[in-house]
Amino acid sequence: MNAQLDQLTARIEPLRQQLTNHPLYSAVRTPGDLDSFMQAHVWAVWDFMSLLKVLQRELTCVTIPWIPVGNAATRYLINEIVIGEESDVDPDGNRTSHFELYLQAMKQARADTRAITGFVRELSAGTSVRDALTGSDLPEGSRRFVNFTFDLIEQGRLHEIAAVFTFGREDLIPDMFMALVQQLRDQAPEQLSLFSYYLERHIEVDGDHHSHLAKAMTIELCGNDPQRWQEAIAAVERALRFRIALWDSVHEQISRKQLFAA
């Protein structure tokens, strides 16, 4: 093991524990609660791809003429994850991105997709991310989360982005939440089968293999530079705090709905 990586892992463990033990998961009791969760979480599913794409841009060659760039193992990691995220398979074997699969799951669950689909249309028309966010009716916690991600993309150093990608993203949904979703799916299989599939597929594709390679990428980019490791730790801590704030906001919204319904 790498001593600096061990230090990073130890430093962020309290924040990760806050996330894996967050009261949000047990608060999701009905399809309506899951609707609130999905409307907020879909923005993190979307902006994950931009985090991945900036790593692909900087760590592989995406220009003409092609030349070899960086470490081949890192190129393999990035390209493999891009393939899995952009062109995985749905339950029927059709190719789709994880984001598009999530949108299908939202529609099946009768969750409101208007904010996120309108946002993507604005981007396709050439609107900047910041302007499209300003004009979108998304949950405020999601807005703050996406703004943090793009602050990191625009201003962060490559080793900070790699560390946040490795330690601060979609591996943070615990098994407990999977079990709750499966219980809800048993109650309404015609509404939640795609979301359950999305979670299962994401865990399967991400797996230990990607985690191992992503950690190796972080080690390579931070090297033996103590300052880079400290910057990586600080970036991951910020990312985890923004994820906690996102979960807090969704939990508050669900709790408020449950209180009014009581």
Protein backbone atom coordinates (compact mmCIF):
# COMPACT_ATOMS: atom_id res chain seq x y z
CA MET A 1 0.00 0.00 0.00
CA ASN A 2 0.95 3.63 -0.45
CA ALA A 3 1.44 5.56 2.81
CA GLN A 4 0.05 8.82 1.39
CA LEU A 5 -2.99 6.99 0.04
CA ASP A 6 -3.54 5.42 3.45
CA GLN A 7 -3.36 8.87 5.00
CA LEU A 8 -5.92 10.24 2.54
CA THR A 9 -8.25 7.32 3.22
CA ALA A 10 -7.96 7.78 6.98
CA ARG A 11 -8.56 11.54 6.77
CA ILE A 12 -11.77 11.23 4.76
CA GLU A 13 -13.21 8.24 6.63
CA PRO A 14 -15.31 10.31 9.10
CA LEU A 15 -16.99 12.11 6.18
CA ARG A 16 -17.57 8.85 4.32
CA GLN A 17 -19.14 7.40 7.45
CA GLN A 18 -21.50 10.38 7.61
CA LEU A 19 -22.55 9.60 4.05
CA THR A 20 -22.95 5.84 4.35
CA ASN A 21 -24.91 6.25 7.60
CA HIS A 22 -26.95 9.25 6.46
CA PRO A 23 -30.59 9.25 7.64
CA LEU A 24 -31.73 9.93 4.07
CA TYR A 25 -31.58 6.26 3.11
CA SER A 26 -33.98 5.06 5.80
CA ALA A 27 -36.26 8.05 5.13
CA VAL A 28 -37.00 6.77 1.61
CA ARG A 29 -40.10 4.66 2.35
CA THR A 30 -42.44 5.18 -0.58
CA PRO A 31 -42.22 5.68 -4.34
CA GLY A 32 -42.98 9.36 -3.67
CA ASP A 33 -39.94 9.62 -1.39
CA LEU A 34 -37.85 7.97 -4.09
CA ASP A 35 -39.19 10.51 -6.60
CA SER A 36 -37.74 13.33 -4.46
CA PHE A 37 -34.43 11.48 -4.19
CA MET A 38 -34.18 10.85 -7.93
CA GLN A 39 -35.02 14.44 -8.88
CA ALA A 40 -32.06 15.61 -6.78
CA HIS A 41 -29.64 12.76 -7.47
CA VAL A 42 -29.95 12.80 -11.26
CA TRP A 43 -27.85 15.98 -11.33
CA ALA A 44 -24.95 14.13 -9.68
CA VAL A 45 -25.37 11.33 -12.24
CA TRP A 46 -25.12 13.93 -15.01
CA ASP A 47 -22.16 15.96 -13.72
CA PHE A 48 -20.14 12.81 -12.99
CA MET A 49 -19.68 12.49 -16.76
CA SER A 50 -18.08 15.92 -17.06
CA LEU A 51 -15.68 14.99 -14.26
CA LEU A 52 -14.79 11.83 -16.16
CA LYS A 53 -14.47 13.68 -19.47
CA VAL A 54 -12.00 16.23 -18.13
CA LEU A 55 -9.81 13.32 -17.00
CA GLN A 56 -10.15 11.71 -20.42
CA ARG A 57 -9.18 15.00 -22.08
CA GLU A 58 -6.10 15.50 -19.91
CA LEU A 59 -4.87 11.91 -19.50
CA THR A 60 -5.49 10.49 -22.99
CA CYS A 61 -5.12 11.87 -26.50
CA VAL A 62 -8.41 13.18 -27.91
CA THR A 63 -6.90 15.39 -30.62
CA ILE A 64 -5.59 14.88 -34.15
CA PRO A 65 -2.88 13.79 -34.87
CA TRP A 66 -2.88 11.14 -32.17
CA ILE A 67 0.17 10.78 -29.97
CA PRO A 68 0.67 8.58 -26.90
CA VAL A 69 -0.08 10.53 -23.72
CA GLY A 70 0.83 9.62 -20.16
CA ASN A 71 0.59 6.22 -18.56
CA ALA A 72 -1.06 3.41 -20.54
CA ALA A 73 -2.65 1.93 -17.40
CA THR A 74 -4.28 5.29 -16.67
CA ARG A 75 -5.46 5.59 -20.27
CA TYR A 76 -6.98 2.13 -19.95
CA LEU A 77 -8.81 3.10 -16.76
CA ILE A 78 -10.28 6.27 -18.21
CA ASN A 79 -11.28 4.73 -21.54
CA GLU A 80 -12.82 1.69 -19.86
CA ILE A 81 -14.93 3.82 -17.54
CA VAL A 82 -16.00 6.05 -20.42
CA ILE A 83 -17.17 2.98 -22.34
CA GLY A 84 -19.09 1.72 -19.33
CA GLU A 85 -20.68 5.08 -18.55
CA GLU A 86 -21.47 6.21 -22.10
CA SER A 87 -22.48 2.93 -23.74
CA ASP A 88 -23.56 0.31 -21.22
CA VAL A 89 -26.62 -1.91 -21.73
CA ASP A 90 -30.17 -1.62 -20.46
CA PRO A 91 -32.10 -4.71 -19.23
CA ASP A 92 -33.00 -5.57 -22.84
CA GLY A 93 -29.39 -5.36 -24.04
CA ASN A 94 -29.74 -2.01 -25.82
CA ARG A 95 -26.79 0.36 -25.61
CA THR A 96 -27.31 3.43 -23.42
CA SER A 97 -25.40 5.72 -21.12
CA HIS A 98 -25.91 5.49 -17.37
CA PHE A 99 -27.38 8.98 -17.42
CA GLU A 100 -29.92 8.05 -20.09
CA LEU A 101 -30.68 4.84 -18.18
CA TYR A 102 -31.32 6.93 -15.08
CA LEU A 103 -33.74 9.13 -17.03
CA GLN A 104 -35.57 6.00 -18.23
CA ALA A 105 -35.75 4.83 -14.61
CA MET A 106 -37.16 8.20 -13.56
CA LYS A 107 -39.84 8.05 -16.23
CA GLN A 108 -40.77 4.50 -15.26
CA ALA A 109 -41.02 5.63 -11.62
CA ARG A 110 -43.15 8.61 -12.74
CA ALA A 111 -40.58 11.04 -11.37
CA ASP A 112 -40.49 14.55 -12.78
CA THR A 113 -37.72 14.84 -15.40
CA ARG A 114 -38.61 18.29 -16.75
CA ALA A 115 -35.83 20.20 -14.97
CA ILE A 116 -32.98 17.92 -16.01
CA THR A 117 -34.18 17.34 -19.59
CA GLY A 118 -34.77 21.07 -20.07
CA PHE A 119 -31.27 21.74 -18.76
CA VAL A 120 -29.73 19.28 -21.23
CA ARG A 121 -31.70 20.88 -24.08
CA GLU A 122 -30.28 24.27 -23.09
CA LEU A 123 -26.74 22.84 -23.15
CA SER A 124 -27.40 21.28 -26.57
CA ALA A 125 -28.48 24.70 -27.83
CA GLY A 126 -25.15 26.20 -26.74
CA THR A 127 -26.09 27.69 -23.37
CA SER A 128 -23.26 27.62 -20.83
CA VAL A 129 -23.52 25.33 -17.81
CA ARG A 130 -23.73 28.29 -15.42
CA ASP A 131 -26.46 30.06 -17.40
CA ALA A 132 -28.42 26.83 -17.87
CA LEU A 133 -28.23 26.16 -14.14
CA THR A 134 -29.48 29.66 -13.39
CA GLY A 135 -32.49 29.12 -15.61
CA SER A 136 -33.31 25.63 -14.37
CA ASP A 137 -35.83 24.74 -11.68
CA LEU A 138 -33.64 22.20 -9.90
CA PRO A 139 -33.38 21.54 -6.15
CA GLU A 140 -31.10 24.09 -4.51
CA GLY A 141 -28.90 21.37 -3.00
CA SER A 142 -28.36 19.94 -6.48
CA ARG A 143 -27.53 23.40 -7.85
CA ARG A 144 -24.83 23.90 -5.21
CA PHE A 145 -23.46 20.42 -5.85
CA VAL A 146 -23.16 20.90 -9.63
CA ASN A 147 -21.62 24.35 -9.18
CA PHE A 148 -18.97 22.82 -6.93
CA THR A 149 -18.22 20.15 -9.53
CA PHE A 150 -17.71 22.73 -12.26
CA ASP A 151 -15.63 24.94 -9.99
CA LEU A 152 -13.38 21.91 -9.57
CA ILE A 153 -13.34 21.18 -13.31
CA GLU A 154 -12.55 24.80 -14.21
CA GLN A 155 -10.13 25.67 -11.40
CA GLY A 156 -8.88 22.42 -9.88
CA ARG A 157 -5.54 20.81 -10.54
CA LEU A 158 -5.54 17.44 -12.28
CA HIS A 159 -4.50 15.50 -9.15
CA GLU A 160 -7.36 17.12 -7.20
CA ILE A 161 -9.88 16.17 -9.89
CA ALA A 162 -8.55 12.61 -9.99
CA ALA A 163 -8.77 12.28 -6.21
CA VAL A 164 -12.36 13.54 -6.11
CA PHE A 165 -13.25 11.20 -8.97
CA THR A 166 -11.70 8.27 -7.08
CA PHE A 167 -12.94 8.94 -3.54
CA GLY A 168 -15.85 11.34 -3.75
CA ARG A 169 -18.37 10.05 -6.24
CA GLU A 170 -20.82 7.29 -7.06
CA ASP A 171 -19.46 4.52 -4.84
CA LEU A 172 -21.02 6.37 -1.90
CA ILE A 173 -24.49 4.79 -2.11
CA PRO A 174 -24.41 1.99 0.49
CA ASP A 175 -25.82 -1.53 0.32
CA MET A 176 -28.51 -0.43 2.77
CA PHE A 177 -30.03 1.84 0.13
CA MET A 178 -29.96 -0.98 -2.41
CA ALA A 179 -31.98 -3.14 0.00
CA LEU A 180 -34.54 -0.36 0.53
CA VAL A 181 -34.95 0.14 -3.22
CA GLN A 182 -35.44 -3.59 -3.71
CA GLN A 183 -38.17 -3.55 -1.05
CA LEU A 184 -39.90 -0.71 -2.87
CA ARG A 185 -39.48 -2.55 -6.16
CA ASP A 186 -41.27 -5.56 -4.67
CA GLN A 187 -44.18 -3.22 -3.82
CA ALA A 188 -44.27 -1.60 -7.28
CA PRO A 189 -42.26 -3.73 -9.74
CA GLU A 190 -43.72 -1.96 -12.76
CA GLN A 191 -42.34 1.37 -11.49
CA LEU A 192 -38.93 0.64 -10.01
CA SER A 193 -37.33 -2.25 -11.90
CA LEU A 194 -35.17 0.09 -14.01
CA PHE A 195 -33.89 2.06 -11.02
CA SER A 196 -33.01 -1.15 -9.20
CA TYR A 197 -31.23 -2.33 -12.36
CA TYR A 198 -29.37 1.00 -12.60
CA LEU A 199 -28.01 0.66 -9.05
CA GLU A 200 -27.06 -2.99 -9.51
CA ARG A 201 -25.40 -2.26 -12.85
CA HIS A 202 -23.50 0.73 -11.52
CA ILE A 203 -22.06 -1.34 -8.67
CA GLU A 204 -21.20 -4.20 -11.04
CA VAL A 205 -19.50 -1.98 -13.64
CA ASP A 206 -17.67 0.16 -11.07
CA GLY A 207 -16.42 -2.76 -9.00
CA ASP A 208 -13.09 -3.35 -7.36
CA HIS A 209 -11.25 -3.28 -10.69
CA HIS A 210 -12.07 0.36 -11.42
CA SER A 211 -11.46 1.32 -7.81
CA HIS A 212 -7.98 -0.20 -7.89
CA LEU A 213 -7.07 1.54 -11.14
CA ALA A 214 -8.48 4.88 -9.99
CA LYS A 215 -6.39 4.73 -6.82
CA ALA A 216 -3.33 3.97 -8.95
CA MET A 217 -4.16 7.03 -11.07
CA THR A 218 -4.31 9.22 -7.95
CA ILE A 219 -0.97 7.83 -6.73
CA GLU A 220 0.62 8.53 -10.12
CA LEU A 221 -0.67 12.11 -10.32
CA CYS A 222 0.21 13.02 -6.72
CA GLY A 223 3.57 11.23 -6.85
CA ASN A 224 5.83 11.90 -3.88
CA ASP A 225 4.80 15.53 -3.57
CA PRO A 226 3.41 16.16 -0.04
CA GLN A 227 1.68 19.36 -1.17
CA ARG A 228 -0.21 17.53 -3.92
CA TRP A 229 -1.38 14.92 -1.44
CA GLN A 230 -2.60 17.60 0.95
CA GLU A 231 -4.40 19.35 -1.91
CA ALA A 232 -5.98 16.04 -2.93
CA ILE A 233 -7.18 15.42 0.63
CA ALA A 234 -8.67 18.92 0.87
CA ALA A 235 -10.44 18.52 -2.49
CA VAL A 236 -11.99 15.19 -1.52
CA GLU A 237 -13.10 16.57 1.85
CA ARG A 238 -14.82 19.48 0.07
CA ALA A 239 -16.50 17.09 -2.36
CA LEU A 240 -17.77 14.87 0.45
CA ARG A 241 -19.11 17.86 2.38
CA PHE A 242 -21.03 18.99 -0.70
CA ARG A 243 -22.44 15.47 -1.09
CA ILE A 244 -23.48 15.49 2.58
CA ALA A 245 -25.15 18.87 2.01
CA LEU A 246 -26.98 17.42 -1.01
CA TRP A 247 -28.20 14.45 1.03
CA ASP A 248 -29.19 16.81 3.89
CA SER A 249 -31.32 18.87 1.52
CA VAL A 250 -33.10 15.81 0.10
CA HIS A 251 -33.65 14.39 3.59
CA GLU A 252 -35.16 17.68 4.72
CA GLN A 253 -37.49 17.78 1.73
CA ILE A 254 -38.68 14.19 2.26
CA SER A 255 -39.12 14.69 6.01
CA ARG A 256 -41.16 17.84 5.40
CA LYS A 257 -43.46 15.98 2.98
CA GLN A 258 -43.88 13.12 5.44
CA LEU A 259 -44.73 15.55 8.24
CA PHE A 260 -47.42 17.27 6.16
CA ALA A 261 -48.83 13.91 5.09
CA ALA A 262 -49.09 12.65 8.68
